Amino acid sequence: VTIASIKGGEIPFDEASLNAPFVTKDVEKFLLDEAAMAAVTKSLPLADVKATDYDAVMLPGGHGVCWDLPESAQLIKQLEAAWAAGK
């Protein structure tokens, strides 16, 4: 699993999503996992990742994605390439 973000670096969490009822046992496990948190803290810039090199692309849900994903020309380019490649 490769974690990338528009700009790379630390991915901010929506503070409201870190409270009940959103924090499940799986979320708690992720938040306490040092390797997972390191990947979220040091995400790769999307420009350094090639979506066609992967079998799938997963976009996170929640309100946070409303801010930068819809306006990202790089993300649109990557998703179009993955779609064209049959991913």
C-alpha atoms as a PDB file:
ATOM      1  CA  VAL A   1       0.000   0.000   0.000  1.00  0.00           C
ATOM      2  CA  THR A   2       1.331   3.400  -0.981  1.00  0.00           C
ATOM      3  CA  ILE A   3      -0.137   6.457   0.683  1.00  0.00           C
ATOM      4  CA  ALA A   4       0.006   9.603  -1.419  1.00  0.00           C
ATOM      5  CA  SER A   5      -1.602  13.005  -1.133  1.00  0.00           C
ATOM      6  CA  ILE A   6      -1.905  16.038  -3.369  1.00  0.00           C
ATOM      7  CA  LYS A   7       1.114  17.849  -1.903  1.00  0.00           C
ATOM      8  CA  GLY A   8       2.777  15.003  -0.024  1.00  0.00           C
ATOM      9  CA  GLY A   9       3.810  15.162   3.602  1.00  0.00           C
ATOM     10  CA  GLU A  10       1.462  15.064   6.547  1.00  0.00           C
ATOM     11  CA  ILE A  11      -2.161  14.340   5.719  1.00  0.00           C
ATOM     12  CA  PRO A  12      -4.483  16.273   8.048  1.00  0.00           C
ATOM     13  CA  PHE A  13      -7.353  14.476   9.722  1.00  0.00           C
ATOM     14  CA  ASP A  14     -10.779  16.029  10.139  1.00  0.00           C
ATOM     15  CA  GLU A  15     -10.885  16.513  13.906  1.00  0.00           C
ATOM     16  CA  ALA A  16     -14.603  15.719  14.088  1.00  0.00           C
ATOM     17  CA  SER A  17     -13.896  12.335  12.490  1.00  0.00           C
ATOM     18  CA  LEU A  18     -11.593  11.404  15.346  1.00  0.00           C
ATOM     19  CA  ASN A  19     -14.501  11.220  17.800  1.00  0.00           C
ATOM     20  CA  ALA A  20     -17.426   8.875  18.359  1.00  0.00           C
ATOM     21  CA  PRO A  21     -19.205   7.453  16.466  1.00  0.00           C
ATOM     22  CA  PHE A  22     -16.562   7.507  13.716  1.00  0.00           C
ATOM     23  CA  VAL A  23     -13.665   5.977  15.646  1.00  0.00           C
ATOM     24  CA  THR A  24     -14.124   2.227  15.445  1.00  0.00           C
ATOM     25  CA  LYS A  25     -11.767  -0.466  16.761  1.00  0.00           C
ATOM     26  CA  ASP A  26     -10.161  -0.581  13.285  1.00  0.00           C
ATOM     27  CA  VAL A  27      -9.614   3.181  13.321  1.00  0.00           C
ATOM     28  CA  GLU A  28      -8.110   2.978  16.809  1.00  0.00           C
ATOM     29  CA  LYS A  29      -5.802   0.190  15.625  1.00  0.00           C
ATOM     30  CA  PHE A  30      -4.689   2.322  12.659  1.00  0.00           C
ATOM     31  CA  LEU A  31      -4.102   5.400  14.818  1.00  0.00           C
ATOM     32  CA  LEU A  32      -1.937   3.365  17.205  1.00  0.00           C
ATOM     33  CA  ASP A  33       0.058   1.694  14.412  1.00  0.00           C
ATOM     34  CA  GLU A  34       3.441   3.426  14.142  1.00  0.00           C
ATOM     35  CA  ALA A  35       4.068   2.330  10.545  1.00  0.00           C
ATOM     36  CA  ALA A  36       0.617   3.431   9.413  1.00  0.00           C
ATOM     37  CA  MET A  37       0.949   6.810  11.089  1.00  0.00           C
ATOM     38  CA  ALA A  38       4.443   7.284   9.622  1.00  0.00           C
ATOM     39  CA  ALA A  39       2.980   6.689   6.149  1.00  0.00           C
ATOM     40  CA  VAL A  40       0.252   9.263   6.802  1.00  0.00           C
ATOM     41  CA  THR A  41       2.789  11.734   8.172  1.00  0.00           C
ATOM     42  CA  LYS A  42       5.184  11.292   5.257  1.00  0.00           C
ATOM     43  CA  SER A  43       2.845  10.663   2.325  1.00  0.00           C
ATOM     44  CA  LEU A  44       4.257  10.793  -1.172  1.00  0.00           C
ATOM     45  CA  PRO A  45       3.314  13.716  -3.400  1.00  0.00           C
ATOM     46  CA  LEU A  46       0.790  12.578  -5.983  1.00  0.00           C
ATOM     47  CA  ALA A  47       3.080  13.857  -8.742  1.00  0.00           C
ATOM     48  CA  ASP A  48       5.682  11.248  -7.665  1.00  0.00           C
ATOM     49  CA  VAL A  49       3.258   8.338  -8.004  1.00  0.00           C
ATOM     50  CA  LYS A  50       2.051   6.720 -11.206  1.00  0.00           C
ATOM     51  CA  ALA A  51      -1.469   5.347 -10.776  1.00  0.00           C
ATOM     52  CA  THR A  52      -1.014   2.973 -13.711  1.00  0.00           C
ATOM     53  CA  ASP A  53       1.720   1.161 -11.730  1.00  0.00           C
ATOM     54  CA  TYR A  54      -0.936  -0.069  -9.285  1.00  0.00           C
ATOM     55  CA  ASP A  55      -3.808  -2.526  -9.524  1.00  0.00           C
ATOM     56  CA  ALA A  56      -6.212  -0.116  -7.856  1.00  0.00           C
ATOM     57  CA  VAL A  57      -6.569   3.432  -6.576  1.00  0.00           C
ATOM     58  CA  MET A  58      -8.549   4.101  -3.405  1.00  0.00           C
ATOM     59  CA  LEU A  59      -9.715   7.583  -2.544  1.00  0.00           C
ATOM     60  CA  PRO A  60     -10.609   8.261   1.094  1.00  0.00           C
ATOM     61  CA  GLY A  61     -14.111   9.199   2.072  1.00  0.00           C
ATOM     62  CA  GLY A  62     -15.277  11.825   4.509  1.00  0.00           C
ATOM     63  CA  HIS A  63     -15.445  15.591   4.422  1.00  0.00           C
ATOM     64  CA  GLY A  64     -11.709  16.157   4.163  1.00  0.00           C
ATOM     65  CA  VAL A  65     -11.572  15.157   0.515  1.00  0.00           C
ATOM     66  CA  CYS A  66     -13.968  17.961  -0.379  1.00  0.00           C
ATOM     67  CA  TRP A  67     -11.188  20.533  -0.025  1.00  0.00           C
ATOM     68  CA  ASP A  68      -8.406  19.567  -2.391  1.00  0.00           C
ATOM     69  CA  LEU A  69      -9.251  16.428  -4.368  1.00  0.00           C
ATOM     70  CA  PRO A  70     -11.960  17.873  -6.673  1.00  0.00           C
ATOM     71  CA  GLU A  71      -9.685  20.731  -7.769  1.00  0.00           C
ATOM     72  CA  SER A  72      -6.539  18.685  -8.374  1.00  0.00           C
ATOM     73  CA  ALA A  73      -5.559  18.544 -12.048  1.00  0.00           C
ATOM     74  CA  GLN A  74      -2.873  15.988 -11.083  1.00  0.00           C
ATOM     75  CA  LEU A  75      -5.444  13.673  -9.498  1.00  0.00           C
ATOM     76  CA  ILE A  76      -7.762  13.962 -12.492  1.00  0.00           C
ATOM     77  CA  LYS A  77      -4.851  13.143 -14.826  1.00  0.00           C
ATOM     78  CA  GLN A  78      -3.855  10.129 -12.711  1.00  0.00           C
ATOM     79  CA  LEU A  79      -7.415   8.772 -12.491  1.00  0.00           C
ATOM     80  CA  GLU A  80      -7.997   9.221 -16.221  1.00  0.00           C
ATOM     81  CA  ALA A  81      -4.764   7.331 -16.959  1.00  0.00           C
ATOM     82  CA  ALA A  82      -5.709   4.506 -14.591  1.00  0.00           C
ATOM     83  CA  TRP A  83      -9.163   4.256 -16.150  1.00  0.00           C
ATOM     84  CA  ALA A  84      -7.713   4.221 -19.668  1.00  0.00           C
ATOM     85  CA  ALA A  85      -5.335   1.441 -18.597  1.00  0.00           C
ATOM     86  CA  GLY A  86      -8.264  -0.643 -17.368  1.00  0.00           C
ATOM     87  CA  LYS A  87      -7.426  -0.308 -13.670  1.00  0.00           C
END
